[in-house]
Amino acid sequence: MLRILRYLSFCYRALLCLYPAELRCGYGAEMANVFEQLLRTEWQRRGARGVAATGWRAIGELFTVAIPGRLVSDGMIAACLSLVITSGVLALLVGIMMWPRYKFL
């Protein structure tokens, strides 16, 4: 697997900590495996654009599944939102900086 795909898989596994514990414990490994499979499939089909679309869907899932599940705890609201926003901005900046390099992978 390409280095960037391994890095994105690692980031996704790290972001699983934002999901509620019962969901993460029951389905975390399966979710990570499906994400890796999607990355590989999209890389083969559409290249960098497909990988980027998969990443954006995963970030969207954080807002629709992970964070609402964690909002039960008031202490986690600010930390989760900060981490998600920072991760999204970082992913966008890395994508912009790496864009010319995708042609050579």
C-alpha atoms as a PDB file:
ATOM      1  CA  MET A   1       0.000   0.000   0.000  1.00  0.00           C
ATOM      2  CA  LEU A   2       1.243   3.484  -0.760  1.00  0.00           C
ATOM      3  CA  ARG A   3       2.699   5.495   2.073  1.00  0.00           C
ATOM      4  CA  ILE A   4      -0.038   8.141   1.906  1.00  0.00           C
ATOM      5  CA  LEU A   5      -2.732   5.459   2.136  1.00  0.00           C
ATOM      6  CA  ARG A   6      -1.030   3.923   5.175  1.00  0.00           C
ATOM      7  CA  TYR A   7      -0.825   7.372   6.747  1.00  0.00           C
ATOM      8  CA  LEU A   8      -4.527   8.049   6.126  1.00  0.00           C
ATOM      9  CA  SER A   9      -5.422   4.646   7.586  1.00  0.00           C
ATOM     10  CA  PHE A  10      -3.339   5.451  10.657  1.00  0.00           C
ATOM     11  CA  CYS A  11      -5.106   8.812  11.022  1.00  0.00           C
ATOM     12  CA  TYR A  12      -8.515   7.172  10.693  1.00  0.00           C
ATOM     13  CA  ARG A  13      -7.642   4.630  13.385  1.00  0.00           C
ATOM     14  CA  ALA A  14      -6.537   7.491  15.634  1.00  0.00           C
ATOM     15  CA  LEU A  15      -9.774   9.380  14.991  1.00  0.00           C
ATOM     16  CA  LEU A  16     -11.791   6.355  16.060  1.00  0.00           C
ATOM     17  CA  CYS A  17     -11.172   7.533  19.631  1.00  0.00           C
ATOM     18  CA  LEU A  18     -13.777  10.227  18.949  1.00  0.00           C
ATOM     19  CA  TYR A  19     -16.508   7.624  18.530  1.00  0.00           C
ATOM     20  CA  PRO A  20     -18.522   6.463  21.550  1.00  0.00           C
ATOM     21  CA  ALA A  21     -16.789   3.637  23.410  1.00  0.00           C
ATOM     22  CA  GLU A  22     -19.499   1.029  22.753  1.00  0.00           C
ATOM     23  CA  LEU A  23     -19.423   1.697  19.003  1.00  0.00           C
ATOM     24  CA  ARG A  24     -15.633   1.819  18.879  1.00  0.00           C
ATOM     25  CA  CYS A  25     -15.193  -1.393  20.875  1.00  0.00           C
ATOM     26  CA  GLY A  26     -17.830  -3.283  18.929  1.00  0.00           C
ATOM     27  CA  TYR A  27     -17.017  -2.124  15.413  1.00  0.00           C
ATOM     28  CA  GLY A  28     -13.762  -0.120  15.484  1.00  0.00           C
ATOM     29  CA  ALA A  29     -11.527  -2.749  13.877  1.00  0.00           C
ATOM     30  CA  GLU A  30     -14.122  -3.481  11.200  1.00  0.00           C
ATOM     31  CA  MET A  31     -14.612   0.241  10.488  1.00  0.00           C
ATOM     32  CA  ALA A  32     -10.845   0.699  10.077  1.00  0.00           C
ATOM     33  CA  ASN A  33     -10.598  -2.298   7.740  1.00  0.00           C
ATOM     34  CA  VAL A  34     -13.474  -1.053   5.580  1.00  0.00           C
ATOM     35  CA  PHE A  35     -11.864   2.397   5.407  1.00  0.00           C
ATOM     36  CA  GLU A  36      -8.568   0.850   4.240  1.00  0.00           C
ATOM     37  CA  GLN A  37     -10.399  -1.173   1.592  1.00  0.00           C
ATOM     38  CA  LEU A  38     -12.220   1.942   0.387  1.00  0.00           C
ATOM     39  CA  LEU A  39      -8.935   3.837   0.142  1.00  0.00           C
ATOM     40  CA  ARG A  40      -7.326   1.086  -1.936  1.00  0.00           C
ATOM     41  CA  THR A  41     -10.352   0.766  -4.204  1.00  0.00           C
ATOM     42  CA  GLU A  42     -10.655   4.510  -4.754  1.00  0.00           C
ATOM     43  CA  TRP A  43      -6.914   4.806  -5.426  1.00  0.00           C
ATOM     44  CA  GLN A  44      -7.188   2.172  -8.144  1.00  0.00           C
ATOM     45  CA  ARG A  45     -10.367   3.605  -9.655  1.00  0.00           C
ATOM     46  CA  ARG A  46     -10.009   7.383  -9.380  1.00  0.00           C
ATOM     47  CA  GLY A  47      -6.557   8.041  -7.941  1.00  0.00           C
ATOM     48  CA  ALA A  48      -6.000  10.984  -5.619  1.00  0.00           C
ATOM     49  CA  ARG A  49      -9.487  12.403  -6.187  1.00  0.00           C
ATOM     50  CA  GLY A  50     -11.095   9.178  -5.028  1.00  0.00           C
ATOM     51  CA  VAL A  51      -8.890   9.026  -1.955  1.00  0.00           C
ATOM     52  CA  ALA A  52      -9.716  12.645  -1.141  1.00  0.00           C
ATOM     53  CA  ALA A  53     -13.441  11.959  -1.517  1.00  0.00           C
ATOM     54  CA  THR A  54     -13.161   8.980   0.823  1.00  0.00           C
ATOM     55  CA  GLY A  55     -11.340  11.138   3.366  1.00  0.00           C
ATOM     56  CA  TRP A  56     -14.002  13.839   3.200  1.00  0.00           C
ATOM     57  CA  ARG A  57     -16.742  11.262   3.742  1.00  0.00           C
ATOM     58  CA  ALA A  58     -14.879   9.991   6.812  1.00  0.00           C
ATOM     59  CA  ILE A  59     -14.588  13.539   8.164  1.00  0.00           C
ATOM     60  CA  GLY A  60     -18.297  14.053   7.521  1.00  0.00           C
ATOM     61  CA  GLU A  61     -19.006  10.890   9.473  1.00  0.00           C
ATOM     62  CA  LEU A  62     -17.230  12.401  12.439  1.00  0.00           C
ATOM     63  CA  PHE A  63     -19.798  15.201  12.447  1.00  0.00           C
ATOM     64  CA  THR A  64     -22.821  12.934  11.968  1.00  0.00           C
ATOM     65  CA  VAL A  65     -21.909   9.907  14.091  1.00  0.00           C
ATOM     66  CA  ALA A  66     -18.877  10.354  16.329  1.00  0.00           C
ATOM     67  CA  ILE A  67     -19.357  13.821  17.756  1.00  0.00           C
ATOM     68  CA  PRO A  68     -23.115  13.558  18.354  1.00  0.00           C
ATOM     69  CA  GLY A  69     -22.453  10.287  20.174  1.00  0.00           C
ATOM     70  CA  ARG A  70     -19.881  12.014  22.377  1.00  0.00           C
ATOM     71  CA  LEU A  71     -21.950  15.114  23.069  1.00  0.00           C
ATOM     72  CA  VAL A  72     -23.531  13.213  25.908  1.00  0.00           C
ATOM     73  CA  SER A  73     -20.441  14.272  27.855  1.00  0.00           C
ATOM     74  CA  ASP A  74     -20.232  18.057  28.134  1.00  0.00           C
ATOM     75  CA  GLY A  75     -16.501  17.928  28.844  1.00  0.00           C
ATOM     76  CA  MET A  76     -15.779  16.461  25.421  1.00  0.00           C
ATOM     77  CA  ILE A  77     -17.581  19.044  23.263  1.00  0.00           C
ATOM     78  CA  ALA A  78     -14.784  21.602  22.961  1.00  0.00           C
ATOM     79  CA  ALA A  79     -11.996  19.030  22.690  1.00  0.00           C
ATOM     80  CA  CYS A  80     -13.753  17.015  19.973  1.00  0.00           C
ATOM     81  CA  LEU A  81     -14.716  20.010  17.888  1.00  0.00           C
ATOM     82  CA  SER A  82     -11.230  21.447  18.160  1.00  0.00           C
ATOM     83  CA  LEU A  83      -9.625  18.165  17.127  1.00  0.00           C
ATOM     84  CA  VAL A  84     -11.986  17.627  14.199  1.00  0.00           C
ATOM     85  CA  ILE A  85     -11.604  21.163  12.874  1.00  0.00           C
ATOM     86  CA  THR A  86      -7.829  21.072  13.288  1.00  0.00           C
ATOM     87  CA  SER A  87      -7.647  17.659  11.604  1.00  0.00           C
ATOM     88  CA  GLY A  88      -9.758  18.877   8.703  1.00  0.00           C
ATOM     89  CA  VAL A  89      -7.637  21.974   8.208  1.00  0.00           C
ATOM     90  CA  LEU A  90      -4.443  19.918   8.468  1.00  0.00           C
ATOM     91  CA  ALA A  91      -5.752  17.369   5.956  1.00  0.00           C
ATOM     92  CA  LEU A  92      -6.683  20.155   3.564  1.00  0.00           C
ATOM     93  CA  LEU A  93      -3.250  21.781   3.858  1.00  0.00           C
ATOM     94  CA  VAL A  94      -1.441  18.461   3.403  1.00  0.00           C
ATOM     95  CA  GLY A  95      -3.609  17.729   0.384  1.00  0.00           C
ATOM     96  CA  ILE A  96      -2.823  21.096  -1.148  1.00  0.00           C
ATOM     97  CA  MET A  97       0.899  20.717  -0.491  1.00  0.00           C
ATOM     98  CA  MET A  98       1.004  17.134  -1.812  1.00  0.00           C
ATOM     99  CA  TRP A  99      -1.187  17.702  -4.882  1.00  0.00           C
ATOM    100  CA  PRO A 100       1.631  17.984  -7.472  1.00  0.00           C
ATOM    101  CA  ARG A 101       3.271  14.861  -6.067  1.00  0.00           C
ATOM    102  CA  TYR A 102       0.234  12.611  -6.696  1.00  0.00           C
ATOM    103  CA  LYS A 103       1.075  12.547 -10.399  1.00  0.00           C
ATOM    104  CA  PHE A 104       4.282  10.647  -9.635  1.00  0.00           C
ATOM    105  CA  LEU A 105       2.961   8.018  -7.164  1.00  0.00           C
END
